Amino acid sequence: MKLKLVLPGRFGFALVLLSILLIAQRSPAPIVEEERPSPTPETSSSTKSRSRRAESSGSTKSETRAREPSKLRGFAGTWSGKINQAFLGDILFTFTFTPGSSQVTEHTAFGTYSRPFTVNGQTASWQSGLVNDTSWTFTPNGDGSTAHVIAKSPLGTSGDTTFRRGGAPAVVRPTSEYPIARPVPERPGFVYNPFDPTSRIFIDVRGKPSGTKLTDPKSGKTFVVP
C-alpha cells in the first residue's frame, strides 16, 4: 500500500519559497574582476612640447653665456688717472680690463697686480691694498672715453676722480733692477720706503745724488734715490 503526503496549499508554497532562499544564501557570489583602464600612451605632441621646452632652456643658457662677455665692452681697454691714497697723496693708477677676463690689472709706481672684479650693471667693483682694505668702483661714462672711479679705505683713502681711456701703463721702471723711491711731498730729502709704501717712517736721503743706490735699513733691500 502506497502512502501519499498531501500538504496544505499555503504551507507547501511557503516551504518551497524557504528552500529557494536557503539555497541562494549558500551559493558563492560570482567573482567579477575589476577592469582597469590601460595606460594611455604618451602622445607625440607632449613629447614634442617637452623637447621644445628643453631646447628653449638650452638656447636661453647659451644666449646668457654669449651675453656675459658683452658686459666688459664698456670697460675693455686701458684707463689712467690720479687718485688720492691717504697719506701717500695722489697716485697715478692705470687699470687694464681684458675682454673675457674676470680680473683687472692695476699698474702703479709700486708694482703691477691683478685683482678679481665683479660687475653690477654698469659698475665694476674690486678690493686691493696691502691688507685688501681698499674698495674700488669703476663706472664708464656715456662718452666712452672717461670713467668715474672711487677708492675708499678705513685706513684713510678717500679718492673720487675721473679716469681717461688710453695711455701706456703707469708703471715707473728704474734703469736698474732696483725700485726708485718716491719723494715725500713738502719734505725735501725724505722718501717713502719703496718696500713698504704705507709706512709712516720716511727714509732720509739728504745729500744723496739722484740715482744713488741705498739700502733700506728695515728690509735690507736696495733702492734708488729719485
Protein backbone atom coordinates (compact mmCIF):
# COMPACT_ATOMS: atom_id res chain seq x y z
CA MET A 1 0.00 0.00 0.00
CA LYS A 2 1.40 3.41 -1.01
CA LEU A 3 1.08 6.46 1.16
CA LYS A 4 0.75 9.90 -0.32
CA LEU A 5 1.84 13.03 1.56
CA VAL A 6 -0.60 15.76 0.97
CA LEU A 7 0.39 19.24 2.24
CA PRO A 8 -1.90 22.16 2.59
CA GLY A 9 -1.59 24.59 -0.31
CA ARG A 10 -0.37 27.65 1.57
CA PHE A 11 2.02 25.69 3.73
CA GLY A 12 3.52 23.94 0.75
CA PHE A 13 4.12 27.20 -1.08
CA ALA A 14 5.87 28.72 1.95
CA LEU A 15 8.10 25.67 2.30
CA VAL A 16 9.17 25.82 -1.33
CA LEU A 17 9.97 29.54 -1.04
CA LEU A 18 12.05 28.94 2.11
CA SER A 19 14.07 26.24 0.35
CA ILE A 20 14.86 28.55 -2.53
CA LEU A 21 16.10 31.29 -0.16
CA LEU A 22 18.37 28.88 1.72
CA ILE A 23 19.94 27.62 -1.49
CA ALA A 24 20.53 31.18 -2.70
CA GLN A 25 22.36 32.14 0.54
CA ARG A 26 24.67 29.13 0.40
CA SER A 27 25.69 29.66 -3.22
CA PRO A 28 29.02 31.55 -3.62
CA ALA A 29 28.82 35.02 -5.07
CA PRO A 30 30.09 35.37 -8.62
CA ILE A 31 33.66 36.83 -8.94
CA VAL A 32 33.77 39.97 -11.02
CA GLU A 33 37.23 41.18 -11.99
CA GLU A 34 37.55 44.95 -11.94
CA GLU A 35 38.56 46.33 -15.27
CA ARG A 36 41.47 48.79 -15.04
CA PRO A 37 41.98 51.28 -17.83
CA SER A 38 45.10 50.52 -19.78
CA PRO A 39 47.78 53.28 -19.62
CA THR A 40 47.38 55.84 -22.29
CA PRO A 41 50.48 56.01 -24.44
CA GLU A 42 52.22 59.37 -24.37
CA THR A 43 51.19 61.40 -27.30
CA SER A 44 53.74 62.66 -29.71
CA SER A 45 52.53 66.23 -29.10
CA SER A 46 53.50 66.01 -25.38
CA THR A 47 56.95 64.68 -26.32
CA LYS A 48 57.42 67.45 -28.83
CA SER A 49 56.29 70.05 -26.26
CA ARG A 50 58.87 68.86 -23.70
CA SER A 51 61.52 68.76 -26.37
CA ARG A 52 60.75 72.34 -27.37
CA ARG A 53 60.95 73.45 -23.71
CA ALA A 54 64.33 71.73 -23.30
CA GLU A 55 65.63 73.31 -26.48
CA SER A 56 64.33 76.70 -25.35
CA SER A 57 66.05 76.32 -21.97
CA GLY A 58 69.32 75.32 -23.62
CA SER A 59 69.02 78.21 -26.04
CA THR A 60 68.45 80.66 -23.16
CA LYS A 61 71.55 79.40 -21.31
CA SER A 62 73.61 79.69 -24.48
CA GLU A 63 72.35 83.23 -25.05
CA THR A 64 73.18 84.12 -21.43
CA ARG A 65 76.72 82.78 -21.83
CA ALA A 66 77.04 84.70 -25.08
CA ARG A 67 75.92 87.93 -23.44
CA GLU A 68 78.29 87.68 -20.45
CA PRO A 69 81.41 88.90 -22.31
CA SER A 70 79.41 91.90 -23.56
CA LYS A 71 79.40 93.25 -20.01
CA LEU A 72 83.06 94.11 -20.48
CA ARG A 73 82.60 96.03 -23.72
CA GLY A 74 82.29 99.31 -21.85
CA PHE A 75 85.32 98.50 -19.69
CA ALA A 76 87.73 96.87 -22.13
CA GLY A 77 90.96 98.75 -22.60
CA THR A 78 93.43 100.77 -20.54
CA TRP A 79 92.38 103.63 -18.27
CA SER A 80 94.64 106.07 -16.40
CA GLY A 81 94.20 108.70 -13.71
CA LYS A 82 95.46 110.04 -10.40
CA ILE A 83 93.52 109.29 -7.24
CA ASN A 84 94.05 110.02 -3.56
CA GLN A 85 95.65 107.27 -1.49
CA ALA A 86 95.55 108.76 2.02
CA PHE A 87 98.95 109.99 3.26
CA LEU A 88 100.59 108.82 0.03
CA GLY A 89 98.82 111.63 -1.76
CA ASP A 90 97.58 111.41 -5.34
CA ILE A 91 98.93 108.27 -7.01
CA LEU A 92 98.88 107.61 -10.75
CA PHE A 93 96.98 104.38 -11.50
CA THR A 94 96.41 102.55 -14.75
CA PHE A 95 93.69 99.90 -14.96
CA THR A 96 93.57 97.36 -17.78
CA PHE A 97 90.41 95.37 -18.49
CA THR A 98 90.89 92.47 -20.89
CA PRO A 99 87.80 91.08 -22.72
CA GLY A 100 86.91 87.61 -21.50
CA SER A 101 88.85 88.05 -18.24
CA SER A 102 87.39 88.43 -14.75
CA GLN A 103 90.43 90.30 -13.44
CA VAL A 104 91.56 93.91 -13.69
CA THR A 105 95.28 94.70 -13.82
CA GLU A 106 96.50 97.58 -11.66
CA HIS A 107 99.66 99.44 -12.67
CA THR A 108 101.32 101.89 -10.25
CA ALA A 109 104.80 103.03 -9.37
CA PHE A 110 104.77 100.36 -6.66
CA GLY A 111 104.13 97.42 -8.96
CA THR A 112 101.60 95.57 -11.08
CA TYR A 113 98.83 93.45 -9.60
CA SER A 114 95.78 91.57 -10.89
CA ARG A 115 92.55 91.77 -8.93
CA PRO A 116 89.30 89.79 -9.43
CA PHE A 117 86.31 92.04 -10.00
CA THR A 118 82.55 91.77 -10.29
CA VAL A 119 80.15 93.73 -12.49
CA ASN A 120 76.83 95.09 -11.25
CA GLY A 121 75.02 96.90 -14.03
CA GLN A 122 77.50 99.47 -15.36
CA THR A 123 79.89 99.37 -12.38
CA ALA A 124 82.90 97.12 -11.75
CA SER A 125 83.99 96.57 -8.14
CA TRP A 126 87.07 95.00 -6.53
CA GLN A 127 89.35 95.11 -3.47
CA SER A 128 93.06 95.98 -3.31
CA GLY A 129 95.70 97.28 -0.93
CA LEU A 130 98.32 95.65 1.22
CA VAL A 131 95.65 94.18 3.50
CA ASN A 132 92.88 94.16 0.88
CA ASP A 133 91.38 97.19 2.60
CA THR A 134 90.68 99.47 -0.37
CA SER A 135 87.33 99.19 -2.15
CA TRP A 136 87.22 100.35 -5.79
CA THR A 137 84.27 101.14 -8.02
CA PHE A 138 84.76 101.84 -11.71
CA THR A 139 81.88 103.20 -13.82
CA PRO A 140 82.46 104.08 -17.50
CA ASN A 141 80.72 107.28 -18.59
CA GLY A 142 78.48 107.51 -21.62
CA ASP A 143 81.13 109.31 -23.68
CA GLY A 144 83.16 106.07 -23.95
CA SER A 145 86.42 107.84 -23.07
CA THR A 146 86.11 108.64 -19.37
CA ALA A 147 85.12 106.73 -16.24
CA HIS A 148 84.09 107.68 -12.70
CA VAL A 149 86.45 106.00 -10.21
CA ILE A 150 86.08 105.86 -6.41
CA ALA A 151 88.55 104.36 -3.91
CA LYS A 152 87.74 104.08 -0.19
CA SER A 153 89.54 102.51 2.74
CA PRO A 154 89.09 102.61 6.52
CA LEU A 155 92.80 103.44 6.67
CA GLY A 156 92.13 106.89 5.22
CA THR A 157 91.90 106.52 1.46
CA SER A 158 89.05 108.60 0.05
CA GLY A 159 89.55 109.16 -3.67
CA ASP A 160 86.94 110.24 -6.18
CA THR A 161 88.11 111.19 -9.66
CA THR A 162 87.84 110.70 -13.42
CA PHE A 163 90.00 108.26 -15.38
CA ARG A 164 90.58 108.50 -19.11
CA ARG A 165 90.78 105.68 -21.60
CA GLY A 166 94.10 105.05 -23.31
CA GLY A 167 97.72 105.72 -22.42
CA ALA A 168 100.58 103.47 -21.50
CA PRO A 169 100.59 101.65 -18.17
CA ALA A 170 101.62 103.98 -15.38
CA VAL A 171 104.49 101.81 -14.24
CA VAL A 172 107.71 103.57 -13.37
CA ARG A 173 110.57 101.29 -14.28
CA PRO A 174 114.02 102.13 -12.86
CA THR A 175 117.02 101.97 -15.11
CA SER A 176 118.33 99.16 -12.93
CA GLU A 177 116.81 96.18 -11.19
CA TYR A 178 116.18 98.25 -8.05
CA PRO A 179 112.99 100.28 -7.37
CA ILE A 180 113.06 104.06 -7.28
CA ALA A 181 111.87 105.58 -4.02
CA ARG A 182 109.09 108.19 -4.14
CA PRO A 183 109.75 111.65 -2.63
CA VAL A 184 107.67 112.78 0.35
CA PRO A 185 105.70 115.94 -0.55
CA GLU A 186 106.90 119.06 1.33
CA ARG A 187 109.69 117.05 2.96
CA PRO A 188 112.80 117.60 0.82
CA GLY A 189 115.42 114.91 1.30
CA PHE A 190 112.97 112.27 2.53
CA VAL A 191 111.39 109.40 0.56
CA TYR A 192 108.75 106.77 1.14
CA ASN A 193 110.01 103.26 1.77
CA PRO A 194 109.55 101.57 -1.67
CA PHE A 195 109.24 98.18 0.03
CA ASP A 196 106.59 99.38 2.49
CA PRO A 197 104.72 102.29 0.85
CA THR A 198 102.16 102.50 3.71
CA SER A 199 104.84 103.01 6.37
CA ARG A 200 104.83 106.40 8.10
CA ILE A 201 108.55 106.16 8.73
CA PHE A 202 110.35 108.02 5.94
CA ILE A 203 113.89 107.36 4.75
CA ASP A 204 116.40 110.20 4.96
CA VAL A 205 118.29 110.61 1.66
CA ARG A 206 119.51 114.18 2.19
CA GLY A 207 122.78 114.83 0.42
CA LYS A 208 122.44 111.71 -1.76
CA PRO A 209 122.57 112.39 -5.50
CA SER A 210 119.75 111.15 -7.70
CA GLY A 211 120.41 107.61 -8.89
CA THR A 212 122.38 106.64 -5.77
CA LYS A 213 121.72 103.12 -4.54
CA LEU A 214 120.86 102.90 -0.86
CA THR A 215 119.85 100.10 1.46
CA ASP A 216 116.54 100.11 3.30
CA PRO A 217 117.52 99.77 6.98
CA LYS A 218 114.38 97.79 7.75
CA SER A 219 114.35 95.16 4.99
CA GLY A 220 117.98 95.31 3.91
CA LYS A 221 116.89 95.68 0.28
CA THR A 222 118.42 98.12 -2.18
CA PHE A 223 116.57 101.04 -3.75
CA VAL A 224 117.45 104.06 -5.89
CA VAL A 225 117.28 107.70 -4.81
CA PRO A 226 114.87 109.65 -7.06
